[in-house]
Amino acid sequence: MRGDSKLRERTLGFLAHVEKGDLVDAAAIPTITSALISSELFEKVTVTLEEAPGGYLVVATLEDKHSWFAAPTLYLLGERRAVGVGFIENNLLGFNQKLLFYGQYGTHESVLFLTYLDPSVSGTPFSWRFDIYGYHRQIDEYANPTGDATDDSILRTTTVNYLGAGFLVGWRFKWWLVADLRLRSGPMHYEDPQGPDGSPLPSPQDDGWDTTTQGRITLDARHYRFGVRWGPYLQLWTETSIPGLDDYDYSSFLFRAYYGWELFHEHQLELRTNFALGRNLPIHNDLLLGGSTDLRGYTVDRFRGDTRAFFRVEYSVPITKWRMFAFRAVSFWDSGFIGWYRPRKDVIDGGDRTYFYPNMERGTNWFRNDVGAGFRLYVKSVVLPLLGIDFAYGVEAEDFQMYFQLGLVDF
């Protein structure tokens, strides 16, 4: 390894998807180069082969992106406002280790998050992660009458507090195939449930400890190049309570599938879909629909349920580059389905959850669509996109939403 880079040689093979003893020739250079660029750690990558006793050396000349930065964040998500500050290091000590600290104060959600990830412990396929996550969140339960898609009234608002920790271990079978298991635990506390006029209402859920195991299998064979990505991404995710340590006794399942195409060198077409099921979900783990990560034509977390399906098609094109900045435009169509089919036992039946009827009766569901366009700003010397703006029209709601994100952007 050569050039202006702090990367360690042990990590170079991990990022290039080659190991000592692998057969390489000149035809492998584009593949190795693409793998290094896809790590999103380098501004420039040049790969050559040099003769050595018994074979060849793969030599990479690298110029690092700025792997760490500390910056404020600003989120304007419909009626929600939030400001924060974060620190992120994407290549700690040159070993591709990740360190993130983030704090946010918002009108609907305040967050504290700290995590450390080593994706290749001592150069092995073994990975581990530790995280602390806490939030103070306002849960809004919308009326969402099935006969009036334009009704955005709120029936109950509740504040929930959570502070927990998690530990994850994983194993890399191939550079594109990883499995991991995470244990997490923390107490949930609900307070101040009230109607839109401020009148007190019954709590939607009892306090308790939320302790679960989360398992994932992820196939991620995508390639990245300066804001463009292509290839497949599949993920199977499950979560289940731990008997004797948890007070909620629930489980959930999620399947994600993405595929992107690189077109005309710098254009990108991406399809996304996911399908999720929940059983006996407490309110803080309801499946949700609405917001910048799925249905952008509707307010954040507008719809709740225990069965959800989502589809997105998005097209991204370059606008211009100026010095260290790259500007891109996106257009999109989002579709989502969500409904109630396996609810918890209601308080009136001896359970611990209070539902609103008839909008949460078993079998109630919603199907919604939106169309829109947006803008992204990338900084060449930084790993992540730093600014995103989306304007979306909710087809059934007959209304517009605007999402502005300065900081960590879902792209």
Protein backbone atom coordinates (compact mmCIF):
# COMPACT_ATOMS: atom_id res chain seq x y z
CA MET A 1 0.00 0.00 0.00
CA ARG A 2 1.21 3.49 -0.89
CA GLY A 3 -0.07 7.03 -0.94
CA ASP A 4 -1.70 9.46 1.47
CA SER A 5 -3.67 6.91 3.49
CA LYS A 6 -3.72 5.67 7.07
CA LEU A 7 -5.19 2.31 6.02
CA ARG A 8 -3.35 -0.75 7.37
CA GLU A 9 -2.21 -3.45 4.96
CA ARG A 10 -4.23 -6.04 6.92
CA THR A 11 -7.38 -4.03 6.18
CA LEU A 12 -6.45 -3.50 2.52
CA GLY A 13 -7.11 -7.14 1.70
CA PHE A 14 -10.45 -7.04 3.55
CA LEU A 15 -11.63 -4.03 1.53
CA ALA A 16 -10.24 -5.30 -1.79
CA HIS A 17 -11.83 -8.76 -1.30
CA VAL A 18 -8.49 -10.55 -1.82
CA GLU A 19 -6.26 -12.54 0.49
CA LYS A 20 -2.62 -13.52 0.43
CA GLY A 21 -2.27 -16.50 -1.87
CA ASP A 22 -5.20 -15.62 -4.16
CA LEU A 23 -4.55 -15.90 -7.90
CA VAL A 24 -4.54 -12.46 -9.52
CA ASP A 25 -3.66 -11.10 -12.94
CA ALA A 26 -4.15 -7.89 -14.89
CA ALA A 27 -7.81 -8.76 -15.51
CA ALA A 28 -8.48 -8.61 -11.76
CA ILE A 29 -7.33 -5.00 -11.38
CA PRO A 30 -10.69 -3.36 -12.30
CA THR A 31 -12.51 -5.62 -9.80
CA ILE A 32 -10.06 -4.82 -7.01
CA THR A 33 -10.20 -1.11 -7.83
CA SER A 34 -14.00 -1.13 -7.78
CA ALA A 35 -14.03 -2.89 -4.40
CA LEU A 36 -11.72 -0.28 -2.85
CA ILE A 37 -13.78 2.61 -4.25
CA SER A 38 -16.95 0.93 -2.94
CA SER A 39 -15.60 1.14 0.61
CA GLU A 40 -16.30 4.91 0.34
CA LEU A 41 -13.04 5.64 2.21
CA PHE A 42 -10.91 6.93 -0.68
CA GLU A 43 -10.94 9.88 -3.06
CA LYS A 44 -8.49 8.23 -5.48
CA VAL A 45 -7.51 4.60 -6.03
CA THR A 46 -4.84 3.19 -8.33
CA VAL A 47 -4.07 -0.54 -8.36
CA THR A 48 -1.08 -2.17 -10.05
CA LEU A 49 0.70 -5.54 -10.02
CA GLU A 50 4.41 -5.73 -9.26
CA GLU A 51 6.60 -8.79 -9.68
CA ALA A 52 7.79 -10.44 -6.49
CA PRO A 53 9.50 -13.75 -5.66
CA GLY A 54 7.03 -16.52 -6.39
CA GLY A 55 4.32 -14.31 -7.88
CA TYR A 56 3.00 -10.76 -7.77
CA LEU A 57 2.19 -8.09 -5.23
CA VAL A 58 -1.08 -6.20 -5.45
CA VAL A 59 -0.08 -2.58 -4.85
CA ALA A 60 -2.73 0.04 -4.10
CA THR A 61 -1.93 3.74 -4.16
CA LEU A 62 -4.63 5.45 -2.12
CA GLU A 63 -5.74 8.95 -1.21
CA ASP A 64 -8.06 8.98 1.78
CA LYS A 65 -11.32 10.79 2.08
CA HIS A 66 -11.65 12.71 5.32
CA SER A 67 -12.73 9.73 7.42
CA TRP A 68 -14.01 11.66 10.43
CA PHE A 69 -15.99 14.78 11.00
CA ALA A 70 -17.97 16.50 13.72
CA ALA A 71 -20.91 18.60 12.61
CA PRO A 72 -24.35 19.86 13.57
CA THR A 73 -27.51 18.36 12.09
CA LEU A 74 -30.89 19.85 11.24
CA TYR A 75 -34.05 17.93 10.37
CA LEU A 76 -37.30 19.47 9.15
CA LEU A 77 -39.60 16.50 8.61
CA GLY A 78 -43.08 17.83 8.00
CA GLU A 79 -44.18 19.32 11.32
CA ARG A 80 -41.24 17.75 13.16
CA ARG A 81 -38.09 19.76 13.95
CA ALA A 82 -34.81 18.52 15.39
CA VAL A 83 -31.27 19.79 15.85
CA GLY A 84 -28.27 17.75 16.89
CA VAL A 85 -24.54 17.29 16.80
CA GLY A 86 -22.59 14.21 15.88
CA PHE A 87 -19.09 12.79 15.55
CA ILE A 88 -18.32 9.95 13.16
CA GLU A 89 -15.08 8.12 12.39
CA ASN A 90 -15.28 5.65 9.49
CA ASN A 91 -11.70 4.32 9.51
CA LEU A 92 -10.53 4.27 13.10
CA LEU A 93 -6.78 3.60 13.38
CA GLY A 94 -6.77 2.54 9.72
CA PHE A 95 -8.66 -0.70 10.45
CA ASN A 96 -12.04 0.29 8.90
CA GLN A 97 -13.51 0.38 12.41
CA LYS A 98 -16.52 2.66 12.95
CA LEU A 99 -17.19 5.02 15.86
CA LEU A 100 -20.31 7.18 16.07
CA PHE A 101 -21.59 9.52 18.75
CA TYR A 102 -24.79 11.48 18.16
CA GLY A 103 -27.11 13.61 20.27
CA GLN A 104 -30.35 15.23 19.08
CA TYR A 105 -33.03 17.45 20.58
CA GLY A 106 -36.36 17.61 18.77
CA THR A 107 -40.00 18.57 19.01
CA HIS A 108 -41.06 14.92 18.71
CA GLU A 109 -37.90 12.95 19.39
CA SER A 110 -34.66 13.49 21.30
CA VAL A 111 -31.95 10.88 20.85
CA LEU A 112 -28.61 9.83 22.34
CA PHE A 113 -26.61 7.23 20.42
CA LEU A 114 -23.10 5.81 20.82
CA THR A 115 -21.71 2.83 18.91
CA TYR A 116 -18.43 1.15 18.04
CA LEU A 117 -18.10 -1.47 15.27
CA ASP A 118 -15.15 -3.62 14.25
CA PRO A 119 -16.15 -5.42 11.01
CA SER A 120 -13.03 -7.63 10.97
CA VAL A 121 -11.54 -8.39 14.39
CA SER A 122 -7.76 -8.78 14.00
CA GLY A 123 -8.26 -9.47 10.29
CA THR A 124 -10.63 -12.42 10.86
CA PRO A 125 -14.21 -12.92 9.53
CA PHE A 126 -15.45 -12.24 13.09
CA SER A 127 -17.11 -8.86 13.83
CA TRP A 128 -18.52 -7.22 16.94
CA ARG A 129 -20.39 -4.06 17.90
CA PHE A 130 -21.38 -2.32 21.10
CA ASP A 131 -24.02 0.40 21.30
CA ILE A 132 -25.91 2.58 23.76
CA TYR A 133 -29.21 4.01 22.56
CA GLY A 134 -31.69 6.24 24.36
CA TYR A 135 -34.65 8.33 23.27
CA HIS A 136 -37.40 10.59 24.55
CA ARG A 137 -40.14 10.20 21.94
CA GLN A 138 -43.61 11.56 21.32
CA ILE A 139 -45.91 8.87 19.92
CA ASP A 140 -48.85 10.24 17.93
CA GLU A 141 -51.71 7.85 17.16
CA TYR A 142 -53.63 9.12 14.12
CA ALA A 143 -57.32 8.53 13.48
CA ASN A 144 -56.74 7.48 9.83
CA PRO A 145 -60.39 6.69 9.06
CA THR A 146 -60.51 4.24 6.17
CA GLY A 147 -63.23 6.31 4.48
CA ASP A 148 -61.30 9.61 4.47
CA ALA A 149 -57.64 9.56 3.39
CA THR A 150 -57.34 13.34 3.89
CA ASP A 151 -58.05 13.16 7.65
CA ASP A 152 -54.78 13.71 9.55
CA SER A 153 -56.26 14.20 13.03
CA ILE A 154 -54.49 12.73 16.08
CA LEU A 155 -56.42 10.77 18.71
CA ARG A 156 -53.75 10.41 21.41
CA THR A 157 -50.22 11.64 22.11
CA THR A 158 -47.97 9.78 24.56
CA THR A 159 -44.36 10.32 25.63
CA VAL A 160 -42.12 7.27 25.92
CA ASN A 161 -38.60 7.08 27.39
CA TYR A 162 -36.04 4.36 26.70
CA LEU A 163 -32.36 3.87 27.54
CA GLY A 164 -30.77 0.59 26.59
CA ALA A 165 -27.59 -1.09 25.45
CA GLY A 166 -26.82 -3.74 22.88
CA PHE A 167 -24.01 -6.12 21.96
CA LEU A 168 -23.65 -7.72 18.53
CA VAL A 169 -21.42 -10.52 17.20
CA GLY A 170 -21.20 -11.50 13.56
CA TRP A 171 -19.45 -13.72 11.03
CA ARG A 172 -18.53 -12.94 7.42
CA PHE A 173 -18.94 -15.97 5.14
CA LYS A 174 -18.12 -14.00 1.99
CA TRP A 175 -17.37 -10.33 1.46
CA TRP A 176 -21.02 -10.00 0.42
CA LEU A 177 -22.62 -12.35 3.01
CA VAL A 178 -22.72 -11.64 6.77
CA ALA A 179 -24.76 -13.08 9.65
CA ASP A 180 -24.99 -11.51 13.09
CA LEU A 181 -26.82 -11.75 16.40
CA ARG A 182 -27.52 -8.86 18.77
CA LEU A 183 -28.72 -8.86 22.37
CA ARG A 184 -30.31 -5.64 23.62
CA SER A 185 -32.16 -4.57 26.75
CA GLY A 186 -33.60 -1.46 28.35
CA PRO A 187 -36.58 -0.16 30.37
CA MET A 188 -39.60 1.48 28.74
CA HIS A 189 -41.53 4.21 30.55
CA TYR A 190 -44.73 5.88 29.30
CA GLU A 191 -46.01 9.23 30.53
CA ASP A 192 -48.57 11.97 29.90
CA PRO A 193 -51.03 10.30 27.51
CA GLN A 194 -53.50 12.94 26.34
CA GLY A 195 -56.03 13.79 23.67
CA PRO A 196 -55.70 16.63 21.15
CA ASP A 197 -57.42 19.00 23.59
CA GLY A 198 -54.97 18.13 26.39
CA SER A 199 -57.39 15.95 28.32
CA PRO A 200 -55.79 12.91 30.05
CA LEU A 201 -56.30 9.50 28.47
CA PRO A 202 -55.41 5.92 29.46
CA SER A 203 -51.83 4.91 28.73
CA PRO A 204 -51.53 2.90 25.49
CA GLN A 205 -49.06 0.48 27.08
CA ASP A 206 -47.69 -0.62 30.47
CA ASP A 207 -44.14 0.18 31.55
CA GLY A 208 -41.65 -2.68 31.51
CA TRP A 209 -38.32 -4.08 30.37
CA ASP A 210 -37.82 -4.66 26.66
CA THR A 211 -35.18 -7.39 26.21
CA THR A 212 -34.77 -9.13 22.86
CA THR A 213 -32.43 -10.98 20.56
CA GLN A 214 -32.11 -9.75 16.97
CA GLY A 215 -30.78 -11.93 14.19
CA ARG A 216 -29.79 -10.83 10.68
CA ILE A 217 -28.52 -12.41 7.50
CA THR A 218 -27.38 -9.77 4.99
CA LEU A 219 -26.37 -10.21 1.37
CA ASP A 220 -24.85 -6.94 0.18
CA ALA A 221 -23.04 -7.15 -3.15
CA ARG A 222 -23.56 -3.49 -4.06
CA HIS A 223 -20.82 -1.31 -5.51
CA TYR A 224 -20.47 2.40 -4.81
CA ARG A 225 -18.82 5.22 -6.69
CA PHE A 226 -19.19 8.78 -5.43
CA GLY A 227 -22.95 8.83 -4.87
CA VAL A 228 -23.91 6.07 -7.34
CA ARG A 229 -24.55 2.49 -6.24
CA TRP A 230 -25.52 -0.66 -8.11
CA GLY A 231 -26.04 -4.34 -7.41
CA PRO A 232 -28.21 -6.43 -5.04
CA TYR A 233 -28.97 -6.04 -1.34
CA LEU A 234 -31.05 -8.60 0.59
CA GLN A 235 -31.62 -8.80 4.32
CA LEU A 236 -33.60 -11.12 6.58
CA TRP A 237 -34.13 -9.71 10.09
CA THR A 238 -35.88 -11.23 13.09
CA GLU A 239 -36.45 -10.09 16.67
CA THR A 240 -37.93 -11.98 19.59
CA SER A 241 -38.34 -11.37 23.30
CA ILE A 242 -36.30 -13.35 25.85
CA PRO A 243 -38.61 -15.17 28.29
CA GLY A 244 -37.99 -14.25 31.91
CA LEU A 245 -36.06 -11.08 31.04
CA ASP A 246 -38.71 -9.29 28.98
CA ASP A 247 -42.17 -7.96 29.92
CA TYR A 248 -43.73 -7.73 26.45
CA ASP A 249 -43.50 -11.18 24.81
CA TYR A 250 -43.45 -10.20 21.13
CA SER A 251 -41.67 -11.05 17.91
CA SER A 252 -41.24 -9.57 14.45
CA PHE A 253 -39.85 -10.43 11.03
CA LEU A 254 -38.54 -8.20 8.22
CA PHE A 255 -37.32 -8.92 4.71
CA ARG A 256 -35.65 -6.18 2.62
CA ALA A 257 -34.67 -6.38 -1.05
CA TYR A 258 -32.96 -3.57 -3.00
CA TYR A 259 -31.47 -3.54 -6.47
CA GLY A 260 -29.69 -0.69 -8.21
CA TRP A 261 -28.48 -0.13 -11.76
CA GLU A 262 -25.73 2.24 -12.86
CA LEU A 263 -26.84 3.90 -16.10
CA PHE A 264 -24.95 6.30 -18.35
CA HIS A 265 -21.98 6.09 -15.96
CA GLU A 266 -23.42 8.48 -13.33
CA HIS A 267 -27.18 7.85 -13.37
CA GLN A 268 -28.79 5.44 -10.92
CA LEU A 269 -32.07 3.53 -10.96
CA GLU A 270 -32.97 1.77 -7.71
CA LEU A 271 -35.88 -0.43 -6.65
CA ARG A 272 -36.60 -1.06 -2.97
CA THR A 273 -39.11 -3.31 -1.28
CA ASN A 274 -39.65 -4.72 2.18
CA PHE A 275 -42.16 -6.90 3.92
CA ALA A 276 -42.63 -7.08 7.71
CA LEU A 277 -44.78 -9.04 10.15
CA GLY A 278 -45.23 -8.58 13.88
CA ARG A 279 -46.87 -10.65 16.62
CA ASN A 280 -48.18 -9.21 19.88
CA LEU A 281 -46.36 -5.91 19.30
CA PRO A 282 -46.17 -3.28 22.07
CA ILE A 283 -46.80 0.26 20.86
CA HIS A 284 -43.12 1.26 20.91
CA ASN A 285 -42.41 -1.54 18.42
CA ASP A 286 -45.40 -1.14 16.11
CA LEU A 287 -44.61 -1.36 12.42
CA LEU A 288 -44.77 2.17 11.00
CA LEU A 289 -45.37 3.79 7.63
CA GLY A 290 -44.81 7.42 6.71
CA GLY A 291 -41.70 9.61 6.58
CA SER A 292 -38.42 10.10 4.78
CA THR A 293 -37.38 6.42 4.93
CA ASP A 294 -40.49 5.02 3.21
CA LEU A 295 -43.68 7.00 2.40
CA ARG A 296 -42.50 10.57 1.88
CA GLY A 297 -45.90 11.97 0.92
CA TYR A 298 -47.20 11.46 4.47
CA THR A 299 -46.20 12.64 7.93
CA VAL A 300 -43.65 10.67 9.93
CA ASP A 301 -45.15 7.49 11.48
CA ARG A 302 -48.63 8.36 10.20
CA PHE A 303 -49.77 4.71 10.01
CA ARG A 304 -49.29 1.89 12.53
CA GLY A 305 -49.88 -1.85 12.27
CA ASP A 306 -48.39 -5.34 12.53
CA THR A 307 -48.26 -6.20 8.80
CA ARG A 308 -46.48 -3.94 6.31
CA ALA A 309 -45.33 -4.02 2.69
CA PHE A 310 -43.45 -1.23 0.93
CA PHE A 311 -42.16 -0.52 -2.58
CA ARG A 312 -40.08 2.33 -4.01
CA VAL A 313 -38.65 3.22 -7.41
CA GLU A 314 -36.14 6.06 -7.46
CA TYR A 315 -34.04 7.59 -10.23
CA SER A 316 -31.00 9.75 -9.50
CA VAL A 317 -29.12 11.96 -11.97
CA PRO A 318 -26.06 14.22 -11.64
CA ILE A 319 -26.64 17.97 -11.84
CA THR A 320 -23.17 19.43 -11.61
CA LYS A 321 -19.88 19.28 -9.72
CA TRP A 322 -18.19 22.31 -8.23
CA ARG A 323 -14.88 22.01 -6.46
CA MET A 324 -15.42 19.47 -3.64
CA PHE A 325 -19.22 19.39 -4.05
CA ALA A 326 -21.41 17.10 -6.16
CA PHE A 327 -25.09 17.92 -6.73
CA ARG A 328 -27.66 15.28 -7.68
CA ALA A 329 -31.42 15.23 -8.32
CA VAL A 330 -33.80 12.36 -7.55
CA SER A 331 -37.34 11.48 -8.59
CA PHE A 332 -39.38 8.76 -6.92
CA TRP A 333 -42.60 6.82 -6.44
CA ASP A 334 -43.40 5.25 -3.05
CA SER A 335 -46.17 2.75 -2.28
CA GLY A 336 -47.03 1.24 1.09
CA PHE A 337 -49.52 -1.13 2.70
CA ILE A 338 -50.02 -1.54 6.45
CA GLY A 339 -52.70 -3.14 8.62
CA TRP A 340 -53.71 -4.84 11.88
CA TYR A 341 -53.91 -8.66 11.88
CA ARG A 342 -52.17 -9.94 15.08
CA PRO A 343 -52.74 -7.27 17.77
CA ARG A 344 -51.89 -7.57 21.47
CA LYS A 345 -54.57 -8.37 23.97
CA ASP A 346 -56.51 -5.23 24.88
CA VAL A 347 -56.91 -4.00 28.46
CA ILE A 348 -60.65 -4.70 28.26
CA ASP A 349 -59.78 -8.36 27.62
CA GLY A 350 -57.22 -8.56 30.42
CA GLY A 351 -54.19 -7.41 28.38
CA ASP A 352 -51.82 -4.49 28.77
CA ARG A 353 -52.53 -2.37 25.67
CA THR A 354 -55.25 0.20 24.99
CA TYR A 355 -56.32 0.49 21.34
CA PHE A 356 -58.57 2.99 19.59
CA TYR A 357 -61.49 1.41 17.77
CA PRO A 358 -62.58 1.06 15.00
CA ASN A 359 -59.33 2.25 13.35
CA MET A 360 -57.26 -0.45 15.06
CA GLU A 361 -59.63 -3.38 14.74
CA ARG A 362 -58.26 -6.63 13.36
CA GLY A 363 -58.29 -6.49 9.55
CA THR A 364 -58.17 -2.67 9.27
CA ASN A 365 -55.58 -1.65 6.65
CA TRP A 366 -54.39 1.22 4.47
CA PHE A 367 -52.73 1.41 1.05
CA ARG A 368 -51.05 4.72 0.20
CA ASN A 369 -48.87 6.18 -2.60
CA ASP A 370 -46.80 9.26 -3.23
CA VAL A 371 -44.75 10.79 -6.01
CA GLY A 372 -42.04 13.41 -5.75
CA ALA A 373 -38.57 14.74 -6.40
CA GLY A 374 -35.57 15.72 -4.36
CA PHE A 375 -32.01 16.98 -4.19
CA ARG A 376 -28.77 15.62 -2.69
CA LEU A 377 -25.47 17.30 -1.91
CA TYR A 378 -22.31 15.21 -1.58
CA VAL A 379 -18.91 16.39 -0.39
CA LYS A 380 -16.14 14.57 -2.21
CA SER A 381 -13.74 14.46 0.73
CA VAL A 382 -16.37 13.10 3.18
CA VAL A 383 -17.74 9.57 3.22
CA LEU A 384 -21.47 10.38 3.61
CA PRO A 385 -23.95 12.65 1.79
CA LEU A 386 -24.60 15.70 3.95
CA LEU A 387 -27.79 17.27 2.65
CA GLY A 388 -31.07 16.01 1.26
CA ILE A 389 -34.37 17.68 0.37
CA ASP A 390 -37.48 15.80 -0.78
CA PHE A 391 -40.83 17.18 -1.94
CA ALA A 392 -43.59 14.56 -2.16
CA TYR A 393 -47.29 14.55 -2.99
CA GLY A 394 -49.44 12.08 -1.10
CA VAL A 395 -51.82 10.80 -3.78
CA GLU A 396 -54.67 9.71 -1.51
CA ALA A 397 -54.12 12.50 1.06
CA GLU A 398 -54.09 15.13 -1.69
CA ASP A 399 -51.39 17.00 0.21
CA PHE A 400 -47.67 17.82 -0.02
CA GLN A 401 -44.86 17.03 2.42
CA MET A 402 -41.33 18.44 2.55
CA TYR A 403 -38.41 16.64 4.21
CA PHE A 404 -35.14 18.50 4.79
CA GLN A 405 -32.15 16.67 6.25
CA LEU A 406 -28.80 18.29 7.02
CA GLY A 407 -26.47 15.70 8.45
CA LEU A 408 -26.98 11.96 8.11
CA VAL A 409 -29.21 11.49 5.05
CA ASP A 410 -31.07 8.34 4.01
CA PHE A 411 -29.92 8.00 0.42
